[in-house]
Amino acid sequence: MPTYNFQENLFALSQEKFDKNSALDEWIEICRERKTNICICGRKLTANSIYMFNIYNLKTICVGTGCHKKFEFLNKTKKDIYIDLIENIIIQGEYENINNLIEYSENIKLQVIKYFENKYKNRHNISITVLEKIKEEIIYLINTYKVDYLNDISNEVDKLLQDKLEEEREKIKRKQEDEQESEPEYYHNDNNCESCNIKLESLNSINIGYCILCYKNK
């Protein structure tokens, strides 16, 4: 019968194989979403999936809110007391054995990639601001924690962002051209107005032969 198996599975996918706190300290949260999943302890998650990345061996796992507390308490004072306390609490729920942990980790990695893809794919009206925020989030994870499997996503977002910026530049250009076409063209003219005989000085004539006032009254 499948049972709670957090520590054994954690050691199997961590670089540290003996000290629990050191193993926990290898993992950082990179994102979370609401979806069904399998926690590293074997518990079937019905809603909250929190994705953790190992900064040393670059593996990825998923945890629920209960197991996530084990990582959170590392940053608190009296952390050993808290860890020992929650280690003995087995969260009620349905469990299943994770028979192949490497395959499990690879599958969770693909879910992380899909999570970021869903932020921008098939969203035709996505704004430049939103794309910039997505890119900033991904670049931070790549540069800070070496989550290099997000590189392709980063390139896709960057290309989409550049396309959006180019579209925006084209819109501005077309708007400026339309505004220029709707405005009367001014000419340099040193002759007299054919209607009122006023001297046409530089830039004061709207059409050759007439001053601005006379042209508007034509």
N, C-alpha and C. Protein backbone atom coordinates (compact mmCIF):
# COMPACT_ATOMS: atom_id res chain seq x y z
N MET A 1 0.84 -1.20 0.00
CA MET A 1 0.00 0.00 0.00
C MET A 1 0.88 1.24 0.00
N PRO A 2 0.64 2.19 -0.92
CA PRO A 2 1.46 3.41 -0.99
C PRO A 2 1.37 4.22 0.30
N THR A 3 2.51 4.73 0.76
CA THR A 3 2.54 5.50 2.01
C THR A 3 3.40 6.76 1.83
N TYR A 4 3.35 7.61 2.84
CA TYR A 4 4.15 8.84 2.91
C TYR A 4 5.64 8.49 2.84
N ASN A 5 6.38 9.15 1.91
CA ASN A 5 7.78 8.77 1.71
C ASN A 5 8.62 10.00 1.36
N PHE A 6 8.46 11.06 2.13
CA PHE A 6 9.12 12.33 1.81
C PHE A 6 10.64 12.24 1.89
N GLN A 7 11.16 11.81 3.04
CA GLN A 7 12.61 11.88 3.26
C GLN A 7 13.39 11.00 2.29
N GLU A 8 12.94 9.78 2.09
CA GLU A 8 13.66 8.87 1.19
C GLU A 8 13.68 9.41 -0.23
N ASN A 9 12.54 9.91 -0.70
CA ASN A 9 12.48 10.45 -2.06
C ASN A 9 13.29 11.74 -2.19
N LEU A 10 13.28 12.55 -1.14
CA LEU A 10 14.07 13.79 -1.15
C LEU A 10 15.56 13.48 -1.27
N PHE A 11 16.05 12.56 -0.46
CA PHE A 11 17.46 12.19 -0.53
C PHE A 11 17.82 11.63 -1.91
N ALA A 12 16.92 10.88 -2.49
CA ALA A 12 17.19 10.26 -3.79
C ALA A 12 17.40 11.30 -4.88
N LEU A 13 16.73 12.44 -4.76
CA LEU A 13 16.83 13.47 -5.80
C LEU A 13 17.68 14.67 -5.39
N SER A 14 18.26 14.60 -4.20
CA SER A 14 19.14 15.68 -3.73
C SER A 14 20.60 15.27 -3.86
N GLN A 15 21.48 16.24 -3.81
CA GLN A 15 22.90 15.93 -3.82
C GLN A 15 23.33 15.38 -2.46
N GLU A 16 22.80 15.97 -1.39
CA GLU A 16 23.05 15.49 -0.03
C GLU A 16 22.22 14.24 0.24
N LYS A 17 22.85 13.18 0.76
CA LYS A 17 22.16 11.90 0.94
C LYS A 17 21.95 11.52 2.40
N PHE A 18 22.45 12.35 3.35
CA PHE A 18 22.35 11.93 4.75
C PHE A 18 21.75 13.00 5.66
N ASP A 19 22.20 14.23 5.54
CA ASP A 19 21.71 15.29 6.42
C ASP A 19 20.44 15.92 5.83
N LYS A 20 19.34 15.81 6.56
CA LYS A 20 18.04 16.25 6.06
C LYS A 20 18.00 17.75 5.80
N ASN A 21 18.49 18.54 6.76
CA ASN A 21 18.45 19.99 6.60
C ASN A 21 19.29 20.46 5.42
N SER A 22 20.44 19.83 5.23
CA SER A 22 21.30 20.19 4.09
C SER A 22 20.62 19.86 2.78
N ALA A 23 19.93 18.72 2.75
CA ALA A 23 19.20 18.34 1.54
C ALA A 23 18.08 19.33 1.25
N LEU A 24 17.33 19.71 2.28
CA LEU A 24 16.25 20.68 2.10
C LEU A 24 16.78 22.02 1.59
N ASP A 25 17.95 22.37 2.06
CA ASP A 25 18.53 23.67 1.71
C ASP A 25 18.98 23.76 0.26
N GLU A 26 19.01 22.64 -0.44
CA GLU A 26 19.41 22.64 -1.86
C GLU A 26 18.28 23.14 -2.77
N TRP A 27 17.06 23.19 -2.26
CA TRP A 27 15.89 23.42 -3.11
C TRP A 27 15.32 24.82 -2.94
N ILE A 28 14.93 25.42 -4.07
CA ILE A 28 14.28 26.74 -4.03
C ILE A 28 12.98 26.66 -4.83
N GLU A 29 12.01 27.43 -4.40
CA GLU A 29 10.74 27.47 -5.13
C GLU A 29 10.90 28.34 -6.38
N ILE A 30 10.41 27.83 -7.52
CA ILE A 30 10.50 28.63 -8.75
C ILE A 30 9.14 29.10 -9.25
N CYS A 31 8.08 28.37 -8.94
CA CYS A 31 6.74 28.82 -9.32
C CYS A 31 5.71 27.89 -8.69
N ARG A 32 4.46 28.27 -8.79
CA ARG A 32 3.38 27.42 -8.27
C ARG A 32 2.12 27.66 -9.10
N GLU A 33 1.25 26.67 -9.12
CA GLU A 33 -0.01 26.79 -9.84
C GLU A 33 -1.06 25.87 -9.23
N ARG A 34 -2.30 26.14 -9.58
CA ARG A 34 -3.40 25.31 -9.09
C ARG A 34 -3.68 24.21 -10.10
N LYS A 35 -3.28 23.00 -9.75
CA LYS A 35 -3.53 21.84 -10.60
C LYS A 35 -3.26 20.57 -9.81
N THR A 36 -3.80 19.47 -10.28
CA THR A 36 -3.53 18.18 -9.63
C THR A 36 -2.11 17.74 -9.94
N ASN A 37 -1.53 16.98 -8.99
CA ASN A 37 -0.14 16.56 -9.18
C ASN A 37 0.22 15.49 -8.16
N ILE A 38 1.49 15.10 -8.14
CA ILE A 38 2.01 14.16 -7.15
C ILE A 38 3.14 14.85 -6.39
N CYS A 39 2.96 14.98 -5.08
CA CYS A 39 4.02 15.55 -4.24
C CYS A 39 5.18 14.58 -4.16
N ILE A 40 6.36 15.10 -3.86
CA ILE A 40 7.55 14.25 -3.72
C ILE A 40 7.36 13.19 -2.63
N CYS A 41 6.45 13.43 -1.69
CA CYS A 41 6.20 12.45 -0.63
C CYS A 41 5.29 11.32 -1.11
N GLY A 42 4.69 11.49 -2.29
CA GLY A 42 3.80 10.48 -2.83
C GLY A 42 2.33 10.85 -2.71
N ARG A 43 2.03 11.93 -2.02
CA ARG A 43 0.64 12.32 -1.83
C ARG A 43 0.06 12.89 -3.12
N LYS A 44 -1.18 12.52 -3.43
CA LYS A 44 -1.86 13.06 -4.60
C LYS A 44 -2.40 14.44 -4.27
N LEU A 45 -1.96 15.43 -5.02
CA LEU A 45 -2.37 16.81 -4.79
C LEU A 45 -3.61 17.11 -5.62
N THR A 46 -4.56 17.76 -5.00
CA THR A 46 -5.82 18.06 -5.70
C THR A 46 -5.89 19.50 -6.18
N ALA A 47 -5.02 20.36 -5.68
CA ALA A 47 -5.13 21.77 -6.08
C ALA A 47 -3.78 22.47 -6.20
N ASN A 48 -3.05 22.59 -5.10
CA ASN A 48 -1.84 23.43 -5.09
C ASN A 48 -0.58 22.64 -5.41
N SER A 49 0.08 23.03 -6.51
CA SER A 49 1.35 22.42 -6.91
C SER A 49 2.44 23.47 -6.79
N ILE A 50 3.44 23.19 -5.98
CA ILE A 50 4.56 24.12 -5.79
C ILE A 50 5.81 23.46 -6.37
N TYR A 51 6.45 24.13 -7.32
CA TYR A 51 7.60 23.54 -8.02
C TYR A 51 8.90 23.99 -7.37
N MET A 52 9.74 23.02 -7.03
CA MET A 52 11.03 23.27 -6.39
C MET A 52 12.17 22.84 -7.31
N PHE A 53 13.24 23.64 -7.31
CA PHE A 53 14.39 23.39 -8.18
C PHE A 53 15.64 23.22 -7.34
N ASN A 54 16.44 22.19 -7.66
CA ASN A 54 17.67 21.94 -6.93
C ASN A 54 18.82 22.73 -7.56
N ILE A 55 19.43 23.60 -6.79
CA ILE A 55 20.44 24.52 -7.33
C ILE A 55 21.77 23.83 -7.59
N TYR A 56 21.91 22.56 -7.18
CA TYR A 56 23.16 21.83 -7.38
C TYR A 56 23.09 20.81 -8.51
N ASN A 57 22.05 19.98 -8.50
CA ASN A 57 21.96 18.96 -9.56
C ASN A 57 20.90 19.29 -10.62
N LEU A 58 20.21 20.44 -10.46
CA LEU A 58 19.28 20.97 -11.46
C LEU A 58 18.03 20.13 -11.66
N LYS A 59 17.70 19.29 -10.68
CA LYS A 59 16.46 18.51 -10.77
C LYS A 59 15.27 19.35 -10.29
N THR A 60 14.09 18.90 -10.64
CA THR A 60 12.86 19.62 -10.28
C THR A 60 11.89 18.65 -9.64
N ILE A 61 11.22 19.11 -8.58
CA ILE A 61 10.21 18.29 -7.92
C ILE A 61 8.97 19.15 -7.67
N CYS A 62 7.91 18.48 -7.24
CA CYS A 62 6.69 19.18 -6.89
C CYS A 62 6.34 18.83 -5.44
N VAL A 63 5.86 19.82 -4.69
CA VAL A 63 5.41 19.57 -3.33
C VAL A 63 4.06 20.26 -3.11
N GLY A 64 3.31 19.73 -2.15
CA GLY A 64 2.08 20.39 -1.73
C GLY A 64 2.38 21.40 -0.64
N THR A 65 1.35 22.06 -0.16
CA THR A 65 1.56 23.10 0.86
C THR A 65 2.10 22.52 2.17
N GLY A 66 1.72 21.26 2.49
CA GLY A 66 2.21 20.64 3.72
C GLY A 66 3.70 20.39 3.68
N CYS A 67 4.17 19.71 2.65
CA CYS A 67 5.61 19.43 2.53
C CYS A 67 6.42 20.71 2.27
N HIS A 68 5.78 21.70 1.66
CA HIS A 68 6.49 22.95 1.41
C HIS A 68 6.92 23.62 2.71
N LYS A 69 6.17 23.40 3.77
CA LYS A 69 6.52 23.99 5.06
C LYS A 69 7.87 23.49 5.55
N LYS A 70 8.25 22.30 5.18
CA LYS A 70 9.55 21.76 5.60
C LYS A 70 10.69 22.63 5.04
N PHE A 71 10.52 23.14 3.83
CA PHE A 71 11.53 24.01 3.21
C PHE A 71 11.45 25.41 3.81
N GLU A 72 10.25 25.89 4.08
CA GLU A 72 10.08 27.23 4.63
C GLU A 72 10.72 27.37 5.99
N PHE A 73 10.58 26.35 6.85
CA PHE A 73 11.07 26.45 8.22
C PHE A 73 12.59 26.47 8.31
N LEU A 74 13.26 26.18 7.22
CA LEU A 74 14.73 26.24 7.23
C LEU A 74 15.21 27.65 7.51
N ASN A 75 14.44 28.65 7.12
CA ASN A 75 14.85 30.05 7.26
C ASN A 75 14.41 30.66 8.58
N LYS A 76 13.85 29.87 9.48
CA LYS A 76 13.38 30.39 10.75
C LYS A 76 14.34 30.02 11.88
N THR A 77 14.32 30.80 12.94
CA THR A 77 15.05 30.40 14.13
C THR A 77 14.36 29.18 14.71
N LYS A 78 15.04 28.42 15.51
CA LYS A 78 14.50 27.18 16.07
C LYS A 78 14.07 26.23 14.95
N LYS A 79 14.75 26.29 13.83
CA LYS A 79 14.32 25.51 12.67
C LYS A 79 14.32 24.01 12.97
N ASP A 80 15.27 23.54 13.78
CA ASP A 80 15.33 22.10 14.05
C ASP A 80 14.09 21.63 14.80
N ILE A 81 13.59 22.48 15.70
CA ILE A 81 12.39 22.11 16.46
C ILE A 81 11.21 22.00 15.53
N TYR A 82 11.07 22.99 14.65
CA TYR A 82 9.96 22.99 13.71
C TYR A 82 10.05 21.81 12.75
N ILE A 83 11.24 21.55 12.24
CA ILE A 83 11.41 20.45 11.29
C ILE A 83 11.05 19.12 11.94
N ASP A 84 11.54 18.90 13.17
CA ASP A 84 11.24 17.66 13.86
C ASP A 84 9.74 17.52 14.11
N LEU A 85 9.09 18.63 14.40
CA LEU A 85 7.66 18.59 14.68
C LEU A 85 6.86 18.19 13.45
N ILE A 86 7.09 18.88 12.31
CA ILE A 86 6.28 18.61 11.13
C ILE A 86 6.70 17.33 10.43
N GLU A 87 7.93 16.86 10.71
CA GLU A 87 8.38 15.60 10.10
C GLU A 87 7.52 14.44 10.58
N ASN A 88 7.00 14.57 11.79
CA ASN A 88 6.21 13.49 12.37
C ASN A 88 4.73 13.60 12.01
N ILE A 89 4.36 14.66 11.28
CA ILE A 89 2.96 14.83 10.88
C ILE A 89 2.80 14.34 9.45
N ILE A 90 2.07 13.27 9.27
CA ILE A 90 1.79 12.74 7.94
C ILE A 90 0.44 13.28 7.49
N ILE A 91 0.44 14.03 6.42
CA ILE A 91 -0.78 14.66 5.94
C ILE A 91 -1.73 13.59 5.42
N GLN A 92 -2.98 13.72 5.86
CA GLN A 92 -3.98 12.76 5.42
C GLN A 92 -4.27 12.94 3.93
N GLY A 93 -4.48 11.85 3.25
CA GLY A 93 -4.79 11.93 1.84
C GLY A 93 -4.43 10.63 1.14
N GLU A 94 -4.62 10.64 -0.16
CA GLU A 94 -4.33 9.44 -0.95
C GLU A 94 -2.90 9.52 -1.47
N TYR A 95 -2.19 8.42 -1.36
CA TYR A 95 -0.78 8.38 -1.77
C TYR A 95 -0.57 7.37 -2.90
N GLU A 96 0.54 7.55 -3.61
CA GLU A 96 0.96 6.54 -4.58
C GLU A 96 2.47 6.48 -4.59
N ASN A 97 3.01 5.33 -4.87
CA ASN A 97 4.47 5.16 -4.91
C ASN A 97 5.03 5.81 -6.17
N ILE A 98 6.14 6.51 -6.01
CA ILE A 98 6.86 7.06 -7.16
C ILE A 98 7.97 6.06 -7.49
N ASN A 99 7.71 5.21 -8.44
CA ASN A 99 8.63 4.11 -8.72
C ASN A 99 9.91 4.56 -9.42
N ASN A 100 9.82 5.56 -10.27
CA ASN A 100 10.99 6.05 -10.99
C ASN A 100 11.13 7.54 -10.71
N LEU A 101 12.01 7.89 -9.78
CA LEU A 101 12.14 9.28 -9.35
C LEU A 101 12.77 10.17 -10.41
N ILE A 102 13.68 9.62 -11.21
CA ILE A 102 14.28 10.41 -12.28
C ILE A 102 13.23 10.77 -13.32
N GLU A 103 12.41 9.81 -13.67
CA GLU A 103 11.32 10.06 -14.61
C GLU A 103 10.32 11.06 -14.03
N TYR A 104 10.05 10.90 -12.75
CA TYR A 104 9.16 11.83 -12.05
C TYR A 104 9.69 13.26 -12.13
N SER A 105 10.98 13.44 -11.86
CA SER A 105 11.60 14.76 -11.89
C SER A 105 11.55 15.37 -13.29
N GLU A 106 11.79 14.54 -14.31
CA GLU A 106 11.73 15.02 -15.69
C GLU A 106 10.31 15.46 -16.05
N ASN A 107 9.33 14.72 -15.59
CA ASN A 107 7.94 15.06 -15.85
C ASN A 107 7.56 16.39 -15.18
N ILE A 108 8.05 16.59 -13.95
CA ILE A 108 7.78 17.85 -13.26
C ILE A 108 8.45 19.01 -13.99
N LYS A 109 9.64 18.77 -14.52
CA LYS A 109 10.33 19.81 -15.30
C LYS A 109 9.49 20.23 -16.50
N LEU A 110 8.92 19.25 -17.20
CA LEU A 110 8.07 19.56 -18.35
C LEU A 110 6.84 20.35 -17.94
N GLN A 111 6.34 20.07 -16.74
CA GLN A 111 5.19 20.81 -16.25
C GLN A 111 5.55 22.27 -15.99
N VAL A 112 6.76 22.50 -15.49
CA VAL A 112 7.23 23.88 -15.26
C VAL A 112 7.33 24.62 -16.59
N ILE A 113 7.90 23.96 -17.59
CA ILE A 113 8.00 24.56 -18.92
C ILE A 113 6.61 24.90 -19.45
N LYS A 114 5.68 23.97 -19.30
CA LYS A 114 4.31 24.19 -19.76
C LYS A 114 3.66 25.34 -19.00
N TYR A 115 3.96 25.46 -17.73
CA TYR A 115 3.42 26.54 -16.91
C TYR A 115 3.80 27.90 -17.49
N PHE A 116 5.07 28.05 -17.85
CA PHE A 116 5.51 29.34 -18.40
C PHE A 116 5.00 29.54 -19.83
N GLU A 117 4.89 28.47 -20.60
CA GLU A 117 4.33 28.59 -21.95
C GLU A 117 2.89 29.09 -21.90
N ASN A 118 2.13 28.60 -20.94
CA ASN A 118 0.73 29.00 -20.83
C ASN A 118 0.56 30.48 -20.48
N LYS A 119 1.63 31.10 -20.00
CA LYS A 119 1.55 32.51 -19.67
C LYS A 119 1.45 33.40 -20.90
N TYR A 120 1.93 32.91 -22.06
CA TYR A 120 1.95 33.77 -23.24
C TYR A 120 1.41 33.12 -24.51
N LYS A 121 1.43 31.80 -24.60
CA LYS A 121 0.97 31.16 -25.83
C LYS A 121 -0.55 31.24 -25.95
N ASN A 122 -1.00 31.40 -27.20
CA ASN A 122 -2.44 31.50 -27.52
C ASN A 122 -3.11 32.69 -26.87
N ARG A 123 -2.32 33.70 -26.52
CA ARG A 123 -2.88 34.94 -25.97
C ARG A 123 -2.56 36.06 -26.97
N HIS A 124 -3.48 36.24 -27.92
CA HIS A 124 -3.21 37.14 -29.04
C HIS A 124 -3.13 38.60 -28.62
N ASN A 125 -3.85 38.96 -27.58
CA ASN A 125 -3.88 40.36 -27.15
C ASN A 125 -2.97 40.63 -25.97
N ILE A 126 -2.02 39.77 -25.75
CA ILE A 126 -1.11 39.96 -24.62
C ILE A 126 -0.32 41.26 -24.81
N SER A 127 -0.18 42.01 -23.74
CA SER A 127 0.46 43.32 -23.83
C SER A 127 1.98 43.22 -23.73
N ILE A 128 2.64 44.27 -24.16
CA ILE A 128 4.10 44.34 -24.07
C ILE A 128 4.53 44.31 -22.60
N THR A 129 3.77 44.97 -21.74
CA THR A 129 4.10 45.01 -20.31
C THR A 129 4.08 43.62 -19.70
N VAL A 130 3.06 42.82 -20.04
CA VAL A 130 2.96 41.46 -19.51
C VAL A 130 4.12 40.61 -20.02
N LEU A 131 4.46 40.74 -21.30
CA LEU A 131 5.57 39.98 -21.86
C LEU A 131 6.89 40.35 -21.18
N GLU A 132 7.07 41.62 -20.90
CA GLU A 132 8.30 42.06 -20.23
C GLU A 132 8.40 41.47 -18.83
N LYS A 133 7.25 41.38 -18.13
CA LYS A 133 7.25 40.79 -16.79
C LYS A 133 7.57 39.30 -16.84
N ILE A 134 7.01 38.60 -17.83
CA ILE A 134 7.30 37.17 -17.99
C ILE A 134 8.79 36.96 -18.27
N LYS A 135 9.31 37.77 -19.18
CA LYS A 135 10.73 37.67 -19.53
C LYS A 135 11.61 37.94 -18.31
N GLU A 136 11.25 38.95 -17.55
CA GLU A 136 12.03 39.30 -16.35
C GLU A 136 12.05 38.15 -15.34
N GLU A 137 10.89 37.51 -15.16
CA GLU A 137 10.79 36.38 -14.23
C GLU A 137 11.66 35.22 -14.69
N ILE A 138 11.60 34.91 -15.98
CA ILE A 138 12.37 33.79 -16.51
C ILE A 138 13.87 34.07 -16.47
N ILE A 139 14.26 35.26 -16.87
CA ILE A 139 15.68 35.63 -16.86
C ILE A 139 16.25 35.58 -15.44
N TYR A 140 15.43 35.98 -14.48
CA TYR A 140 15.88 35.93 -13.08
C TYR A 140 16.18 34.48 -12.67
N LEU A 141 15.29 33.56 -13.01
CA LEU A 141 15.49 32.15 -12.65
C LEU A 141 16.71 31.56 -13.35
N ILE A 142 16.91 31.95 -14.61
CA ILE A 142 18.06 31.43 -15.36
C ILE A 142 19.37 31.99 -14.80
N ASN A 143 19.42 33.28 -14.60
CA ASN A 143 20.67 33.92 -14.16
C ASN A 143 20.99 33.65 -12.71
N THR A 144 19.97 33.57 -11.86
CA THR A 144 20.20 33.41 -10.42
C THR A 144 20.38 31.95 -10.02
N TYR A 145 19.56 31.06 -10.59
CA TYR A 145 19.56 29.67 -10.14
C TYR A 145 19.94 28.67 -11.23
N LYS A 146 20.27 29.17 -12.42
CA LYS A 146 20.68 28.30 -13.53
C LYS A 146 19.57 27.33 -13.95
N VAL A 147 18.34 27.83 -14.00
CA VAL A 147 17.23 27.00 -14.49
C VAL A 147 17.29 27.05 -16.02
N ASP A 148 18.32 26.42 -16.57
CA ASP A 148 18.65 26.58 -17.99
C ASP A 148 17.63 25.95 -18.93
N TYR A 149 16.80 25.03 -18.42
CA TYR A 149 15.81 24.44 -19.32
C TYR A 149 14.71 25.44 -19.70
N LEU A 150 14.79 26.65 -19.14
CA LEU A 150 13.86 27.72 -19.53
C LEU A 150 14.44 28.61 -20.62
N ASN A 151 15.63 28.27 -21.13
CA ASN A 151 16.26 29.11 -22.15
C ASN A 151 15.42 29.22 -23.42
N ASP A 152 14.87 28.11 -23.88
CA ASP A 152 14.04 28.14 -25.09
C ASP A 152 12.80 29.01 -24.88
N ILE A 153 12.21 28.91 -23.69
CA ILE A 153 11.06 29.74 -23.37
C ILE A 153 11.46 31.22 -23.39
N SER A 154 12.61 31.50 -22.83
CA SER A 154 13.11 32.88 -22.80
C SER A 154 13.28 33.43 -24.22
N ASN A 155 13.83 32.61 -25.11
CA ASN A 155 14.02 33.04 -26.51
C ASN A 155 12.68 33.27 -27.21
N GLU A 156 11.71 32.39 -26.93
CA GLU A 156 10.39 32.56 -27.54
C GLU A 156 9.72 33.84 -27.07
N VAL A 157 9.80 34.08 -25.77
CA VAL A 157 9.20 35.30 -25.21
C VAL A 157 9.90 36.53 -25.78
N ASP A 158 11.22 36.46 -25.90
CA ASP A 158 11.97 37.60 -26.43
C ASP A 158 11.58 37.89 -27.88
N LYS A 159 11.41 36.84 -28.68
CA LYS A 159 11.01 37.03 -30.08
C LYS A 159 9.60 37.62 -30.16
N LEU A 160 8.70 37.09 -29.34
CA LEU A 160 7.34 37.62 -29.32
C LEU A 160 7.32 39.07 -28.87
N LEU A 161 8.15 39.39 -27.91
CA LEU A 161 8.25 40.77 -27.42
C LEU A 161 8.78 41.70 -28.50
N GLN A 162 9.81 41.27 -29.23
CA GLN A 162 10.37 42.09 -30.31
C GLN A 162 9.34 42.28 -31.43
N ASP A 163 8.56 41.23 -31.73
CA ASP A 163 7.51 41.35 -32.75
C ASP A 163 6.45 42.36 -32.32
N LYS A 164 6.08 42.30 -31.03
CA LYS A 164 5.09 43.24 -30.52
C LYS A 164 5.60 44.67 -30.56
N LEU A 165 6.88 44.84 -30.23
CA LEU A 165 7.48 46.18 -30.26
C LEU A 165 7.53 46.71 -31.69
N GLU A 166 7.83 45.83 -32.64
CA GLU A 166 7.87 46.23 -34.04
C GLU A 166 6.48 46.61 -34.52
N GLU A 167 5.47 45.86 -34.11
CA GLU A 167 4.08 46.19 -34.46
C GLU A 167 3.71 47.56 -33.91
N GLU A 168 4.14 47.83 -32.68
CA GLU A 168 3.82 49.12 -32.06
C GLU A 168 4.51 50.26 -32.79
N ARG A 169 5.76 50.04 -33.20
CA ARG A 169 6.48 51.07 -33.96
C ARG A 169 5.80 51.34 -35.29
N GLU A 170 5.31 50.28 -35.94
CA GLU A 170 4.61 50.43 -37.22
C GLU A 170 3.31 51.20 -37.05
N LYS A 171 2.60 50.93 -35.95
CA LYS A 171 1.36 51.66 -35.67
C LYS A 171 1.63 53.15 -35.49
N ILE A 172 2.68 53.45 -34.74
CA ILE A 172 3.05 54.86 -34.51
C ILE A 172 3.44 55.53 -35.82
N LYS A 173 4.19 54.81 -36.63
CA LYS A 173 4.62 55.35 -37.92
C LYS A 173 3.44 55.64 -38.83
N ARG A 174 2.48 54.67 -38.90
CA ARG A 174 1.29 54.87 -39.74
C ARG A 174 0.44 56.03 -39.23
N LYS A 175 0.35 56.16 -37.92
CA LYS A 175 -0.43 57.25 -37.34
C LYS A 175 0.18 58.60 -37.69
N GLN A 176 1.50 58.68 -37.60
CA GLN A 176 2.19 59.92 -37.94
C GLN A 176 2.01 60.26 -39.42
N GLU A 177 2.07 59.22 -40.28
CA GLU A 177 1.87 59.45 -41.72
C GLU A 177 0.45 59.92 -42.01
N ASP A 178 -0.54 59.33 -41.32
CA ASP A 178 -1.93 59.74 -41.51
C ASP A 178 -2.15 61.18 -41.05
N GLU A 179 -1.51 61.54 -39.96
CA GLU A 179 -1.65 62.91 -39.45
C GLU A 179 -1.02 63.92 -40.40
N GLN A 180 0.09 63.54 -41.00
CA GLN A 180 0.75 64.43 -41.95
C GLN A 180 -0.10 64.62 -43.20
N GLU A 181 -0.75 63.55 -43.66
CA GLU A 181 -1.59 63.65 -44.85
C GLU A 181 -2.82 64.50 -44.61
N SER A 182 -3.32 64.51 -43.37
CA SER A 182 -4.52 65.27 -43.07
C SER A 182 -4.25 66.75 -42.84
N GLU A 183 -3.01 67.12 -42.62
CA GLU A 183 -2.65 68.51 -42.40
C GLU A 183 -2.25 69.18 -43.72
N PRO A 184 -2.56 70.45 -43.89
CA PRO A 184 -2.14 71.18 -45.09
C PRO A 184 -0.63 71.31 -45.15
N GLU A 185 -0.13 71.33 -46.31
CA GLU A 185 1.32 71.42 -46.49
C GLU A 185 1.74 72.88 -46.58
N TYR A 186 2.77 73.22 -45.83
CA TYR A 186 3.25 74.60 -45.82
C TYR A 186 4.47 74.72 -46.73
N TYR A 187 4.56 75.86 -47.39
CA TYR A 187 5.64 76.10 -48.34
C TYR A 187 6.40 77.36 -47.97
N HIS A 188 7.66 77.38 -48.38
CA HIS A 188 8.42 78.63 -48.34
C HIS A 188 7.99 79.46 -49.56
N ASN A 189 7.68 80.70 -49.32
CA ASN A 189 7.21 81.53 -50.42
C ASN A 189 7.61 82.97 -50.16
N ASP A 190 8.19 83.61 -51.14
CA ASP A 190 8.64 85.01 -50.98
C ASP A 190 7.85 85.96 -51.88
N ASN A 191 6.74 85.50 -52.49
CA ASN A 191 5.92 86.35 -53.36
C ASN A 191 4.77 86.99 -52.58
N ASN A 192 3.91 87.71 -53.28
CA ASN A 192 2.73 88.29 -52.67
C ASN A 192 1.54 87.37 -52.86
N CYS A 193 0.57 87.43 -51.88
CA CYS A 193 -0.66 86.65 -52.00
C CYS A 193 -1.46 87.14 -53.20
N GLU A 194 -1.94 86.23 -54.03
CA GLU A 194 -2.69 86.60 -55.22
C GLU A 194 -4.05 87.19 -54.88
N SER A 195 -4.53 86.96 -53.63
CA SER A 195 -5.84 87.47 -53.25
C SER A 195 -5.77 88.80 -52.53
N CYS A 196 -4.94 88.87 -51.47
CA CYS A 196 -4.88 90.10 -50.66
C CYS A 196 -3.61 90.90 -50.90
N ASN A 197 -2.71 90.36 -51.67
CA ASN A 197 -1.47 91.03 -52.05
C ASN A 197 -0.49 91.21 -50.90
N ILE A 198 -0.74 90.49 -49.77
CA ILE A 198 0.19 90.58 -48.66
C ILE A 198 1.47 89.85 -49.01
N LYS A 199 2.56 90.35 -48.45
CA LYS A 199 3.85 89.73 -48.69
C LYS A 199 3.88 88.34 -48.07
N LEU A 200 4.17 87.32 -48.85
CA LEU A 200 4.25 85.95 -48.34
C LEU A 200 5.68 85.67 -47.88
N GLU A 201 5.84 85.63 -46.56
CA GLU A 201 7.16 85.36 -46.01
C GLU A 201 7.33 83.85 -45.79
N SER A 202 8.55 83.48 -45.43
CA SER A 202 8.87 82.06 -45.25
C SER A 202 7.92 81.40 -44.26
N LEU A 203 7.35 80.28 -44.65
CA LEU A 203 6.49 79.42 -43.84
C LEU A 203 5.12 80.01 -43.54
N ASN A 204 4.74 81.17 -44.13
CA ASN A 204 3.42 81.70 -43.80
C ASN A 204 2.40 81.43 -44.90
N SER A 205 2.79 80.71 -45.93
CA SER A 205 1.84 80.39 -46.98
C SER A 205 1.51 78.91 -46.97
N ILE A 206 0.23 78.60 -47.11
CA ILE A 206 -0.21 77.23 -47.07
C ILE A 206 -0.23 76.60 -48.45
N ASN A 207 -0.28 77.40 -49.45
CA ASN A 207 -0.26 76.92 -50.84
C ASN A 207 0.38 78.00 -51.68
N ILE A 208 1.10 77.64 -52.67
CA ILE A 208 1.80 78.63 -53.48
C ILE A 208 0.79 79.62 -54.06
N GLY A 209 1.04 80.88 -53.76
CA GLY A 209 0.18 81.93 -54.32
C GLY A 209 -0.79 82.52 -53.33
N TYR A 210 -1.01 81.90 -52.18
CA TYR A 210 -1.99 82.41 -51.22
C TYR A 210 -1.42 82.38 -49.80
N CYS A 211 -1.85 83.37 -48.98
CA CYS A 211 -1.50 83.32 -47.57
C CYS A 211 -2.44 82.35 -46.88
N ILE A 212 -2.16 82.04 -45.64
CA ILE A 212 -2.94 81.05 -44.91
C ILE A 212 -4.39 81.48 -44.79
N LEU A 213 -4.63 82.74 -44.43
CA LEU A 213 -6.01 83.23 -44.24
C LEU A 213 -6.81 83.17 -45.53
N CYS A 214 -6.22 83.62 -46.61
CA CYS A 214 -6.93 83.61 -47.88
C CYS A 214 -7.19 82.20 -48.38
N TYR A 215 -6.24 81.31 -48.13
CA TYR A 215 -6.44 79.94 -48.56
C TYR A 215 -7.62 79.29 -47.84
N LYS A 216 -7.73 79.56 -46.51
CA LYS A 216 -8.82 78.99 -45.72
C LYS A 216 -10.18 79.56 -46.17
N ASN A 217 -10.19 80.77 -46.69
CA ASN A 217 -11.44 81.40 -47.09
C ASN A 217 -11.79 81.13 -48.55
N LYS A 218 -10.94 80.41 -49.25
CA LYS A 218 -11.20 80.12 -50.66
C LYS A 218 -12.42 79.20 -50.81
